[in-house]
Amino acid sequence: MKTVPFLFFLSGALCALIGMGWGIKMSMSHDHVLSPAHAHLNLVGWVTLALFGTFYHLVPSAAETLLAKIHLALAVAGVVIMAPGIAIAISGGGEALAAIGSILTILSMLIFVFTVATRGRTA
């Protein structure tokens, strides 16, 4: 089984790859309407997931917990739901997915804050 840090980094790198492709498509088409969704994919998907992975790599005892696995699931689900949800909302299709993804993402960050506060000082 893959480790939590590895899975955070792999997920983040996939978000970066998709975000880059999306950015190139927007640039070539001169249509930047979905830029907010693209930005969230890059920032929350690539940057945040990679930072989570870095922490868990530096604090392996935190990565071995069930909470770390829950954190991974919530964080990845949040990005996977939020970025397309923002694109759908911008396109006039409703905000439900963006809201669900945002809630999952903030829950993920709450878990991270708790984990850093309780496990980070033992590193």
C-alpha atoms as a PDB file:
ATOM      1  CA  MET A   1       0.000   0.000   0.000  1.00  0.00           C
ATOM      2  CA  LYS A   2       1.163   3.498  -0.766  1.00  0.00           C
ATOM      3  CA  THR A   3       1.953   5.881   2.050  1.00  0.00           C
ATOM      4  CA  VAL A   4      -0.115   8.933   2.942  1.00  0.00           C
ATOM      5  CA  PRO A   5       2.640  11.414   1.944  1.00  0.00           C
ATOM      6  CA  PHE A   6       3.075   9.655  -1.412  1.00  0.00           C
ATOM      7  CA  LEU A   7      -0.664   9.729  -2.108  1.00  0.00           C
ATOM      8  CA  PHE A   8      -0.897  13.422  -1.193  1.00  0.00           C
ATOM      9  CA  PHE A   9       1.986  14.192  -3.568  1.00  0.00           C
ATOM     10  CA  LEU A  10       0.626  12.002  -6.360  1.00  0.00           C
ATOM     11  CA  SER A  11      -2.820  13.609  -6.073  1.00  0.00           C
ATOM     12  CA  GLY A  12      -1.275  17.061  -6.014  1.00  0.00           C
ATOM     13  CA  ALA A  13       0.907  16.353  -9.030  1.00  0.00           C
ATOM     14  CA  LEU A  14      -2.119  15.084 -10.978  1.00  0.00           C
ATOM     15  CA  CYS A  15      -3.974  18.287 -10.084  1.00  0.00           C
ATOM     16  CA  ALA A  16      -0.983  20.307 -11.319  1.00  0.00           C
ATOM     17  CA  LEU A  17      -0.868  18.395 -14.593  1.00  0.00           C
ATOM     18  CA  ILE A  18      -4.601  18.833 -15.195  1.00  0.00           C
ATOM     19  CA  GLY A  19      -4.387  22.494 -14.138  1.00  0.00           C
ATOM     20  CA  MET A  20      -1.528  23.153 -16.557  1.00  0.00           C
ATOM     21  CA  GLY A  21      -3.403  21.516 -19.402  1.00  0.00           C
ATOM     22  CA  TRP A  22      -6.510  23.506 -18.549  1.00  0.00           C
ATOM     23  CA  GLY A  23      -4.461  26.718 -18.411  1.00  0.00           C
ATOM     24  CA  ILE A  24      -2.957  26.029 -21.827  1.00  0.00           C
ATOM     25  CA  LYS A  25      -6.431  25.363 -23.235  1.00  0.00           C
ATOM     26  CA  MET A  26      -7.716  28.663 -21.798  1.00  0.00           C
ATOM     27  CA  SER A  27      -4.719  30.531 -23.183  1.00  0.00           C
ATOM     28  CA  MET A  28      -5.056  29.037 -26.654  1.00  0.00           C
ATOM     29  CA  SER A  29      -8.796  29.739 -26.793  1.00  0.00           C
ATOM     30  CA  HIS A  30      -8.487  33.208 -25.208  1.00  0.00           C
ATOM     31  CA  ASP A  31     -11.394  32.188 -22.978  1.00  0.00           C
ATOM     32  CA  HIS A  32     -10.554  32.734 -19.313  1.00  0.00           C
ATOM     33  CA  VAL A  33     -14.065  32.580 -17.905  1.00  0.00           C
ATOM     34  CA  LEU A  34     -13.252  29.481 -15.855  1.00  0.00           C
ATOM     35  CA  SER A  35     -10.063  30.976 -14.372  1.00  0.00           C
ATOM     36  CA  PRO A  36     -11.409  30.820 -10.788  1.00  0.00           C
ATOM     37  CA  ALA A  37     -11.950  27.060 -11.069  1.00  0.00           C
ATOM     38  CA  HIS A  38      -8.516  26.648 -12.654  1.00  0.00           C
ATOM     39  CA  ALA A  39      -6.929  28.690  -9.859  1.00  0.00           C
ATOM     40  CA  HIS A  40      -8.623  26.586  -7.162  1.00  0.00           C
ATOM     41  CA  LEU A  41      -7.467  23.389  -8.838  1.00  0.00           C
ATOM     42  CA  ASN A  42      -3.888  24.652  -8.842  1.00  0.00           C
ATOM     43  CA  LEU A  43      -3.854  26.218  -5.388  1.00  0.00           C
ATOM     44  CA  VAL A  44      -5.961  23.766  -3.401  1.00  0.00           C
ATOM     45  CA  GLY A  45      -5.130  20.773  -5.565  1.00  0.00           C
ATOM     46  CA  TRP A  46      -1.427  21.139  -6.248  1.00  0.00           C
ATOM     47  CA  VAL A  47      -0.082  23.470  -3.577  1.00  0.00           C
ATOM     48  CA  THR A  48      -2.192  22.445  -0.595  1.00  0.00           C
ATOM     49  CA  LEU A  49      -2.014  18.706  -1.240  1.00  0.00           C
ATOM     50  CA  ALA A  50       1.764  18.922  -1.712  1.00  0.00           C
ATOM     51  CA  LEU A  51       2.123  20.865   1.542  1.00  0.00           C
ATOM     52  CA  PHE A  52       0.045  18.259   3.363  1.00  0.00           C
ATOM     53  CA  GLY A  53       2.272  15.558   1.891  1.00  0.00           C
ATOM     54  CA  THR A  54       5.379  17.433   3.019  1.00  0.00           C
ATOM     55  CA  PHE A  55       4.128  17.641   6.598  1.00  0.00           C
ATOM     56  CA  TYR A  56       3.245  13.953   6.708  1.00  0.00           C
ATOM     57  CA  HIS A  57       6.644  13.066   5.239  1.00  0.00           C
ATOM     58  CA  LEU A  58       8.384  15.150   7.908  1.00  0.00           C
ATOM     59  CA  VAL A  59       6.196  13.730  10.702  1.00  0.00           C
ATOM     60  CA  PRO A  60       5.808  10.046   9.803  1.00  0.00           C
ATOM     61  CA  SER A  61       4.086   9.219  13.097  1.00  0.00           C
ATOM     62  CA  ALA A  62       1.232  11.513  12.053  1.00  0.00           C
ATOM     63  CA  ALA A  63       1.009   9.829   8.649  1.00  0.00           C
ATOM     64  CA  GLU A  64       0.452   6.413  10.220  1.00  0.00           C
ATOM     65  CA  THR A  65      -2.838   7.365  11.882  1.00  0.00           C
ATOM     66  CA  LEU A  66      -6.384   6.703  10.762  1.00  0.00           C
ATOM     67  CA  LEU A  67      -6.955  10.463  10.940  1.00  0.00           C
ATOM     68  CA  ALA A  68      -4.271  10.971   8.259  1.00  0.00           C
ATOM     69  CA  LYS A  69      -6.105   8.589   5.937  1.00  0.00           C
ATOM     70  CA  ILE A  70      -9.394  10.389   6.598  1.00  0.00           C
ATOM     71  CA  HIS A  71      -7.597  13.674   5.946  1.00  0.00           C
ATOM     72  CA  LEU A  72      -6.304  12.367   2.620  1.00  0.00           C
ATOM     73  CA  ALA A  73      -9.768  11.200   1.553  1.00  0.00           C
ATOM     74  CA  LEU A  74     -11.451  14.473   2.515  1.00  0.00           C
ATOM     75  CA  ALA A  75      -8.752  16.634   0.933  1.00  0.00           C
ATOM     76  CA  VAL A  76      -8.766  14.787  -2.384  1.00  0.00           C
ATOM     77  CA  ALA A  77     -12.563  14.544  -2.496  1.00  0.00           C
ATOM     78  CA  GLY A  78     -12.798  18.250  -1.722  1.00  0.00           C
ATOM     79  CA  VAL A  79     -10.627  19.215  -4.691  1.00  0.00           C
ATOM     80  CA  VAL A  80     -12.220  16.700  -7.051  1.00  0.00           C
ATOM     81  CA  ILE A  81     -15.678  18.060  -6.225  1.00  0.00           C
ATOM     82  CA  MET A  82     -14.876  21.751  -5.682  1.00  0.00           C
ATOM     83  CA  ALA A  83     -12.937  22.616  -8.865  1.00  0.00           C
ATOM     84  CA  PRO A  84     -15.534  21.219 -11.295  1.00  0.00           C
ATOM     85  CA  GLY A  85     -18.260  22.592  -9.013  1.00  0.00           C
ATOM     86  CA  ILE A  86     -16.841  26.097  -9.378  1.00  0.00           C
ATOM     87  CA  ALA A  87     -16.719  25.652 -13.157  1.00  0.00           C
ATOM     88  CA  ILE A  88     -20.345  24.491 -13.143  1.00  0.00           C
ATOM     89  CA  ALA A  89     -21.377  27.427 -10.932  1.00  0.00           C
ATOM     90  CA  ILE A  90     -19.630  29.937 -13.206  1.00  0.00           C
ATOM     91  CA  SER A  91     -21.378  28.356 -16.187  1.00  0.00           C
ATOM     92  CA  GLY A  92     -24.771  28.865 -14.519  1.00  0.00           C
ATOM     93  CA  GLY A  93     -25.390  25.273 -13.482  1.00  0.00           C
ATOM     94  CA  GLY A  94     -25.822  25.845  -9.762  1.00  0.00           C
ATOM     95  CA  GLU A  95     -23.498  26.034  -6.793  1.00  0.00           C
ATOM     96  CA  ALA A  96     -24.216  22.759  -4.958  1.00  0.00           C
ATOM     97  CA  LEU A  97     -21.036  20.927  -5.966  1.00  0.00           C
ATOM     98  CA  ALA A  98     -18.864  23.971  -5.289  1.00  0.00           C
ATOM     99  CA  ALA A  99     -20.429  24.241  -1.836  1.00  0.00           C
ATOM    100  CA  ILE A 100     -19.993  20.530  -1.057  1.00  0.00           C
ATOM    101  CA  GLY A 101     -16.384  20.587  -2.240  1.00  0.00           C
ATOM    102  CA  SER A 102     -15.694  23.710  -0.207  1.00  0.00           C
ATOM    103  CA  ILE A 103     -17.116  22.114   2.942  1.00  0.00           C
ATOM    104  CA  LEU A 104     -14.989  19.000   2.428  1.00  0.00           C
ATOM    105  CA  THR A 105     -11.943  21.196   1.833  1.00  0.00           C
ATOM    106  CA  ILE A 106     -12.406  23.215   5.006  1.00  0.00           C
ATOM    107  CA  LEU A 107     -13.011  20.028   7.010  1.00  0.00           C
ATOM    108  CA  SER A 108      -9.746  18.758   5.582  1.00  0.00           C
ATOM    109  CA  MET A 109      -7.973  21.924   6.721  1.00  0.00           C
ATOM    110  CA  LEU A 110      -9.483  21.616  10.195  1.00  0.00           C
ATOM    111  CA  ILE A 111      -8.064  18.099  10.431  1.00  0.00           C
ATOM    112  CA  PHE A 112      -4.700  19.435   9.301  1.00  0.00           C
ATOM    113  CA  VAL A 113      -4.708  22.202  11.906  1.00  0.00           C
ATOM    114  CA  PHE A 114      -5.574  19.660  14.598  1.00  0.00           C
ATOM    115  CA  THR A 115      -2.872  17.284  13.359  1.00  0.00           C
ATOM    116  CA  VAL A 116      -0.198  19.989  13.265  1.00  0.00           C
ATOM    117  CA  ALA A 117      -1.200  21.226  16.720  1.00  0.00           C
ATOM    118  CA  THR A 118      -1.142  17.765  18.282  1.00  0.00           C
ATOM    119  CA  ARG A 119       1.570  15.964  16.308  1.00  0.00           C
ATOM    120  CA  GLY A 120       3.747  18.727  14.875  1.00  0.00           C
ATOM    121  CA  ARG A 121       5.515  19.632  18.069  1.00  0.00           C
ATOM    122  CA  THR A 122       6.693  16.046  18.552  1.00  0.00           C
ATOM    123  CA  ALA A 123       8.572  16.079  15.268  1.00  0.00           C
END
